N, C-alpha and C. Protein backbone atom coordinates (compact mmCIF):
# COMPACT_ATOMS: atom_id res chain seq x y z
N MET A 1 0.87 -1.12 0.02
CA MET A 1 -0.02 0.01 -0.03
C MET A 1 0.84 1.27 -0.01
N PRO A 2 0.44 2.35 -0.64
CA PRO A 2 1.29 3.58 -0.61
C PRO A 2 1.26 4.08 0.66
N SER A 3 2.23 4.89 1.10
CA SER A 3 2.13 5.62 2.38
C SER A 3 2.19 7.16 1.99
N PHE A 4 1.52 8.00 2.81
CA PHE A 4 1.59 9.44 2.44
C PHE A 4 1.93 10.11 3.69
N SER A 5 2.80 11.17 3.38
CA SER A 5 3.26 11.95 4.50
C SER A 5 3.32 13.48 4.02
N TRP A 6 3.22 14.22 4.94
CA TRP A 6 3.41 15.76 4.72
C TRP A 6 4.76 16.15 4.96
N GLY A 7 5.44 16.99 4.14
CA GLY A 7 6.77 17.51 4.38
C GLY A 7 6.70 18.85 5.27
N SER A 8 7.81 19.34 5.37
CA SER A 8 8.04 20.48 6.22
C SER A 8 8.97 21.48 5.51
N GLY A 9 8.86 22.78 6.12
CA GLY A 9 9.91 23.78 5.66
C GLY A 9 9.46 24.29 4.28
N ASN A 10 10.40 24.56 3.39
CA ASN A 10 10.17 25.03 2.14
C ASN A 10 10.11 23.88 1.08
N GLN A 11 10.07 22.67 1.55
CA GLN A 11 9.94 21.68 0.53
C GLN A 11 8.34 21.40 0.19
N PHE A 12 8.11 20.67 -0.94
CA PHE A 12 6.81 20.49 -1.43
C PHE A 12 6.24 19.64 -0.26
N PRO A 13 5.02 20.10 0.08
CA PRO A 13 4.37 19.49 1.33
C PRO A 13 3.72 18.03 1.15
N LEU A 14 4.00 17.27 0.12
CA LEU A 14 3.39 16.04 0.12
C LEU A 14 4.41 15.00 -0.48
N ALA A 15 4.67 13.88 0.15
CA ALA A 15 5.48 12.82 -0.31
C ALA A 15 4.67 11.58 -0.38
N ILE A 16 4.88 10.79 -1.51
CA ILE A 16 4.02 9.58 -1.72
C ILE A 16 5.26 8.56 -1.90
N ASN A 17 5.04 7.46 -1.14
CA ASN A 17 6.13 6.35 -1.14
C ASN A 17 5.22 5.15 -1.47
N PHE A 18 5.68 4.44 -2.53
CA PHE A 18 4.99 3.09 -2.93
C PHE A 18 5.97 2.05 -2.50
N LYS A 19 5.49 1.05 -1.77
CA LYS A 19 6.24 -0.04 -1.25
C LYS A 19 5.50 -1.34 -1.73
N ARG A 20 6.42 -2.52 -1.97
CA ARG A 20 5.92 -3.66 -2.27
C ARG A 20 4.83 -4.28 -1.51
N GLY A 21 3.70 -4.49 -2.02
CA GLY A 21 2.57 -5.16 -1.15
C GLY A 21 2.65 -6.50 -0.99
N PRO A 22 1.51 -7.09 -0.43
CA PRO A 22 1.58 -8.46 -0.04
C PRO A 22 1.06 -9.49 -1.20
N LEU A 23 1.15 -8.95 -2.45
CA LEU A 23 0.65 -9.77 -3.62
C LEU A 23 1.75 -10.77 -3.91
N GLY A 24 2.98 -10.77 -3.59
CA GLY A 24 3.89 -11.86 -4.06
C GLY A 24 4.70 -11.46 -5.11
N SER A 25 5.71 -12.21 -5.43
CA SER A 25 6.41 -12.06 -6.55
C SER A 25 6.01 -12.40 -7.99
N GLY A 26 4.85 -13.08 -8.03
CA GLY A 26 4.30 -13.31 -9.29
C GLY A 26 3.41 -12.21 -10.07
N VAL A 27 3.28 -11.12 -9.34
CA VAL A 27 2.41 -9.98 -9.73
C VAL A 27 3.37 -8.96 -10.32
N GLY A 28 3.31 -8.59 -11.50
CA GLY A 28 4.15 -7.50 -12.16
C GLY A 28 3.81 -7.18 -13.54
N LEU A 29 4.60 -6.28 -14.26
CA LEU A 29 4.25 -5.98 -15.46
C LEU A 29 4.31 -7.11 -16.48
N GLU A 30 5.30 -7.99 -16.41
CA GLU A 30 5.49 -9.05 -17.28
C GLU A 30 4.32 -9.98 -17.26
N ARG A 31 3.54 -10.23 -16.20
CA ARG A 31 2.53 -11.20 -15.99
C ARG A 31 1.21 -10.40 -16.72
N ILE A 32 1.13 -9.02 -16.55
CA ILE A 32 -0.05 -8.45 -17.10
C ILE A 32 0.27 -8.41 -18.61
N LYS A 33 1.40 -8.14 -19.08
CA LYS A 33 1.68 -8.23 -20.57
C LYS A 33 1.26 -9.59 -21.15
N GLU A 34 1.60 -10.61 -20.41
CA GLU A 34 1.24 -12.11 -20.98
C GLU A 34 -0.27 -12.23 -21.10
N ALA A 35 -1.07 -11.74 -20.24
CA ALA A 35 -2.58 -11.95 -20.32
C ALA A 35 -3.31 -10.78 -20.93
N GLU A 36 -2.54 -9.96 -21.52
CA GLU A 36 -3.26 -8.70 -22.16
C GLU A 36 -4.46 -9.11 -23.13
N PHE A 37 -5.48 -8.22 -22.91
CA PHE A 37 -6.63 -8.35 -23.70
C PHE A 37 -7.20 -7.03 -24.18
N SER A 38 -7.93 -6.98 -25.20
CA SER A 38 -8.72 -5.76 -25.61
C SER A 38 -10.08 -5.90 -25.81
N ILE A 39 -10.69 -4.73 -25.68
CA ILE A 39 -12.24 -4.85 -25.94
C ILE A 39 -12.54 -3.87 -27.12
N PHE A 40 -13.33 -4.14 -27.96
CA PHE A 40 -13.76 -3.45 -29.21
C PHE A 40 -15.23 -3.75 -29.62
N PRO A 41 -15.80 -2.96 -30.17
CA PRO A 41 -15.61 -1.52 -30.15
C PRO A 41 -15.94 -0.90 -28.87
N ASN A 42 -15.27 0.16 -28.60
CA ASN A 42 -15.53 0.99 -27.41
C ASN A 42 -15.45 2.40 -27.79
N PRO A 43 -16.44 3.08 -27.70
CA PRO A 43 -17.84 2.73 -27.09
C PRO A 43 -18.55 1.60 -27.90
N ALA A 44 -19.31 0.92 -27.26
CA ALA A 44 -20.09 -0.16 -27.81
C ALA A 44 -21.56 0.14 -27.84
N THR A 45 -22.36 -0.55 -28.84
CA THR A 45 -23.90 -0.41 -28.75
C THR A 45 -24.56 -1.54 -28.62
N SER A 46 -24.16 -2.61 -29.41
CA SER A 46 -24.98 -3.96 -29.31
C SER A 46 -24.38 -5.04 -28.87
N HIS A 47 -22.76 -4.93 -28.94
CA HIS A 47 -22.02 -6.15 -28.36
C HIS A 47 -20.67 -5.62 -28.22
N ILE A 48 -19.65 -6.41 -27.52
CA ILE A 48 -18.32 -6.30 -27.38
C ILE A 48 -17.66 -7.56 -27.68
N LEU A 49 -16.42 -7.30 -28.24
CA LEU A 49 -15.65 -8.49 -28.68
C LEU A 49 -14.35 -8.29 -27.69
N MET A 50 -14.08 -9.31 -26.96
CA MET A 50 -12.91 -9.28 -26.21
C MET A 50 -11.83 -10.13 -26.94
N SER A 51 -10.72 -9.65 -27.27
CA SER A 51 -9.65 -10.47 -27.99
C SER A 51 -8.48 -10.46 -27.05
N PHE A 52 -7.90 -11.79 -26.94
CA PHE A 52 -6.80 -12.13 -26.02
C PHE A 52 -5.46 -12.38 -26.86
N THR A 53 -4.35 -12.03 -26.30
CA THR A 53 -3.21 -12.28 -27.04
C THR A 53 -2.70 -13.69 -27.02
N ASN A 54 -3.26 -14.49 -26.12
CA ASN A 54 -3.10 -15.75 -26.11
C ASN A 54 -4.50 -16.62 -25.82
N SER A 55 -4.41 -17.73 -26.04
CA SER A 55 -5.71 -18.59 -25.91
C SER A 55 -5.91 -18.67 -24.26
N VAL A 56 -7.11 -18.46 -23.85
CA VAL A 56 -7.51 -18.34 -22.42
C VAL A 56 -8.57 -19.51 -22.08
N ASN A 57 -8.67 -19.77 -20.74
CA ASN A 57 -9.69 -20.41 -20.22
C ASN A 57 -9.95 -19.93 -18.94
N ALA A 58 -10.83 -18.89 -18.95
CA ALA A 58 -11.20 -18.11 -17.80
C ALA A 58 -12.53 -17.74 -17.49
N ASN A 59 -12.88 -17.06 -16.56
CA ASN A 59 -14.29 -16.45 -16.40
C ASN A 59 -14.20 -14.99 -16.55
N PHE A 60 -15.43 -14.51 -17.00
CA PHE A 60 -15.48 -13.08 -17.07
C PHE A 60 -16.73 -12.52 -16.17
N ARG A 61 -16.66 -11.50 -15.63
CA ARG A 61 -17.65 -10.79 -14.96
C ARG A 61 -17.73 -9.30 -15.39
N ILE A 62 -18.88 -8.88 -15.65
CA ILE A 62 -19.15 -7.41 -15.97
C ILE A 62 -19.84 -6.71 -14.98
N TYR A 63 -19.37 -5.54 -14.46
CA TYR A 63 -19.95 -4.71 -13.45
C TYR A 63 -20.27 -3.57 -14.01
N ASN A 64 -21.39 -2.85 -13.49
CA ASN A 64 -21.65 -1.48 -13.94
C ASN A 64 -20.84 -0.55 -13.07
N ALA A 65 -20.96 0.71 -13.27
CA ALA A 65 -20.16 1.81 -12.56
C ALA A 65 -20.49 1.77 -11.17
N ASN A 66 -21.79 1.29 -10.66
CA ASN A 66 -22.19 1.25 -9.23
C ASN A 66 -21.45 -0.05 -8.60
N GLY A 67 -20.81 -0.82 -9.26
CA GLY A 67 -20.23 -2.14 -8.81
C GLY A 67 -21.15 -3.32 -8.78
N MET A 68 -22.26 -3.09 -9.35
CA MET A 68 -23.24 -4.28 -9.45
C MET A 68 -22.93 -5.17 -10.62
N LEU A 69 -22.85 -6.51 -10.30
CA LEU A 69 -22.56 -7.59 -11.34
C LEU A 69 -23.65 -7.48 -12.28
N VAL A 70 -23.54 -7.51 -13.56
CA VAL A 70 -24.64 -7.50 -14.54
C VAL A 70 -24.59 -8.54 -15.47
N LYS A 71 -23.28 -9.28 -15.47
CA LYS A 71 -23.22 -10.46 -16.55
C LYS A 71 -21.90 -11.14 -16.22
N SER A 72 -22.07 -12.54 -16.29
CA SER A 72 -20.92 -13.26 -16.08
C SER A 72 -20.88 -14.64 -17.03
N GLY A 73 -19.76 -15.13 -17.14
CA GLY A 73 -19.70 -16.32 -18.17
C GLY A 73 -18.23 -16.88 -18.20
N ALA A 74 -17.99 -17.62 -19.17
CA ALA A 74 -16.81 -18.34 -19.41
C ALA A 74 -16.06 -17.72 -20.76
N VAL A 75 -14.86 -17.77 -20.70
CA VAL A 75 -14.06 -17.39 -21.99
C VAL A 75 -13.12 -18.57 -22.12
N ILE A 76 -13.20 -19.01 -23.51
CA ILE A 76 -12.39 -20.19 -23.76
C ILE A 76 -11.92 -19.84 -25.42
N GLY A 77 -10.57 -19.59 -25.45
CA GLY A 77 -10.04 -19.34 -26.73
C GLY A 77 -9.35 -17.99 -26.82
N GLU A 78 -9.45 -17.31 -28.01
CA GLU A 78 -8.71 -16.10 -28.13
C GLU A 78 -9.67 -14.94 -28.31
N GLN A 79 -10.95 -15.15 -28.51
CA GLN A 79 -12.06 -14.07 -28.65
C GLN A 79 -13.31 -14.57 -28.11
N GLN A 80 -14.03 -13.45 -27.60
CA GLN A 80 -15.22 -13.86 -26.89
C GLN A 80 -16.21 -12.61 -27.22
N LYS A 81 -17.28 -13.00 -27.90
CA LYS A 81 -18.31 -11.91 -28.13
C LYS A 81 -19.39 -11.94 -27.15
N ILE A 82 -19.78 -10.74 -26.66
CA ILE A 82 -20.74 -10.52 -25.48
C ILE A 82 -21.83 -9.56 -25.98
N ASN A 83 -23.01 -10.10 -25.90
CA ASN A 83 -24.12 -9.34 -26.24
C ASN A 83 -24.51 -8.46 -25.19
N LEU A 84 -24.81 -7.18 -25.56
CA LEU A 84 -25.18 -6.10 -24.56
C LEU A 84 -26.64 -5.65 -24.53
N ASP A 85 -27.54 -6.66 -24.98
CA ASP A 85 -29.00 -6.42 -24.76
C ASP A 85 -29.28 -6.25 -23.30
N GLY A 86 -30.02 -5.27 -22.99
CA GLY A 86 -30.45 -5.01 -21.67
C GLY A 86 -29.54 -4.14 -20.77
N PHE A 87 -28.27 -3.68 -21.39
CA PHE A 87 -27.22 -2.76 -20.76
C PHE A 87 -27.71 -1.45 -20.97
N ALA A 88 -27.78 -0.70 -20.00
CA ALA A 88 -28.04 0.69 -20.11
C ALA A 88 -26.81 1.49 -20.46
N ALA A 89 -27.04 2.70 -21.11
CA ALA A 89 -25.88 3.50 -21.49
C ALA A 89 -24.98 3.74 -20.09
N GLY A 90 -23.72 3.63 -20.40
CA GLY A 90 -22.93 4.00 -19.16
C GLY A 90 -21.55 3.32 -19.15
N LEU A 91 -20.79 3.39 -18.11
CA LEU A 91 -19.56 2.80 -17.97
C LEU A 91 -19.61 1.41 -17.24
N TYR A 92 -18.85 0.56 -17.85
CA TYR A 92 -18.73 -0.87 -17.38
C TYR A 92 -17.44 -1.27 -17.12
N PHE A 93 -17.23 -2.34 -16.30
CA PHE A 93 -15.89 -3.00 -16.03
C PHE A 93 -16.02 -4.38 -16.50
N VAL A 94 -14.95 -4.96 -17.15
CA VAL A 94 -14.89 -6.41 -17.46
C VAL A 94 -13.80 -7.00 -16.60
N GLU A 95 -14.03 -7.96 -15.73
CA GLU A 95 -12.89 -8.76 -15.12
C GLU A 95 -12.66 -9.99 -15.67
N ILE A 96 -11.51 -10.25 -16.03
CA ILE A 96 -11.21 -11.69 -16.46
C ILE A 96 -10.41 -12.32 -15.43
N GLN A 97 -10.68 -13.71 -15.06
CA GLN A 97 -10.16 -14.22 -13.84
C GLN A 97 -9.79 -15.63 -14.29
N ASP A 98 -8.71 -16.13 -14.06
CA ASP A 98 -8.35 -17.38 -14.04
C ASP A 98 -7.54 -17.94 -12.77
N GLU A 99 -6.94 -19.05 -12.79
CA GLU A 99 -6.13 -19.47 -11.72
C GLU A 99 -4.88 -18.67 -11.49
N LYS A 100 -4.41 -17.82 -12.43
CA LYS A 100 -3.12 -17.21 -12.09
C LYS A 100 -3.54 -15.65 -11.70
N GLY A 101 -4.72 -15.29 -11.70
CA GLY A 101 -5.07 -13.87 -11.35
C GLY A 101 -6.32 -13.29 -12.07
N SER A 102 -6.34 -11.97 -12.11
CA SER A 102 -7.35 -11.42 -12.74
C SER A 102 -6.93 -10.09 -13.38
N LEU A 103 -7.66 -9.50 -14.44
CA LEU A 103 -7.39 -8.29 -15.08
C LEU A 103 -8.72 -7.54 -15.28
N VAL A 104 -8.66 -6.28 -15.25
CA VAL A 104 -9.89 -5.44 -15.36
C VAL A 104 -9.72 -4.50 -16.49
N LYS A 105 -10.67 -4.41 -17.30
CA LYS A 105 -10.66 -3.37 -18.42
C LYS A 105 -12.07 -2.69 -18.33
N LYS A 106 -12.23 -1.43 -18.83
CA LYS A 106 -13.40 -0.75 -18.81
C LYS A 106 -13.87 -0.55 -20.29
N PHE A 107 -15.24 -0.46 -20.40
CA PHE A 107 -15.79 0.03 -21.66
C PHE A 107 -17.02 0.73 -21.38
N VAL A 108 -17.38 1.41 -22.58
CA VAL A 108 -18.72 2.37 -22.47
C VAL A 108 -19.71 1.78 -23.26
N VAL A 109 -20.95 1.89 -22.83
CA VAL A 109 -22.10 1.38 -23.81
C VAL A 109 -22.80 2.73 -24.08
N ASP A 110 -22.93 3.07 -25.46
CA ASP A 110 -23.61 4.26 -25.79
C ASP A 110 -24.73 4.02 -26.77
N ARG A 111 -25.75 4.31 -26.19
CA ARG A 111 -27.14 4.12 -26.93
C ARG A 111 -27.70 5.25 -27.57
């Protein structure tokens, strides 16, 4: 977790220090790059297509901007099309989770 402290004297009054957290050594930029995925079109109207750099076997969850789960399912392969029927216009978050961890991306539904 980051720690915050206030400076003194003529120095800038805010210092932010980032320390390694309790997530372990398996979490880092290389791991995120390996599991990278994209969502398009964004903004979307009728569907989104999730495209992965490698074939995956994972679960997805879509949350609205209020944090409510609105859809979930499985992802197998390099692409997954998701129908957005019933989604209101707004901001959404897709979480992809497998046994190695999870990634989150955002997308917008524009009606």
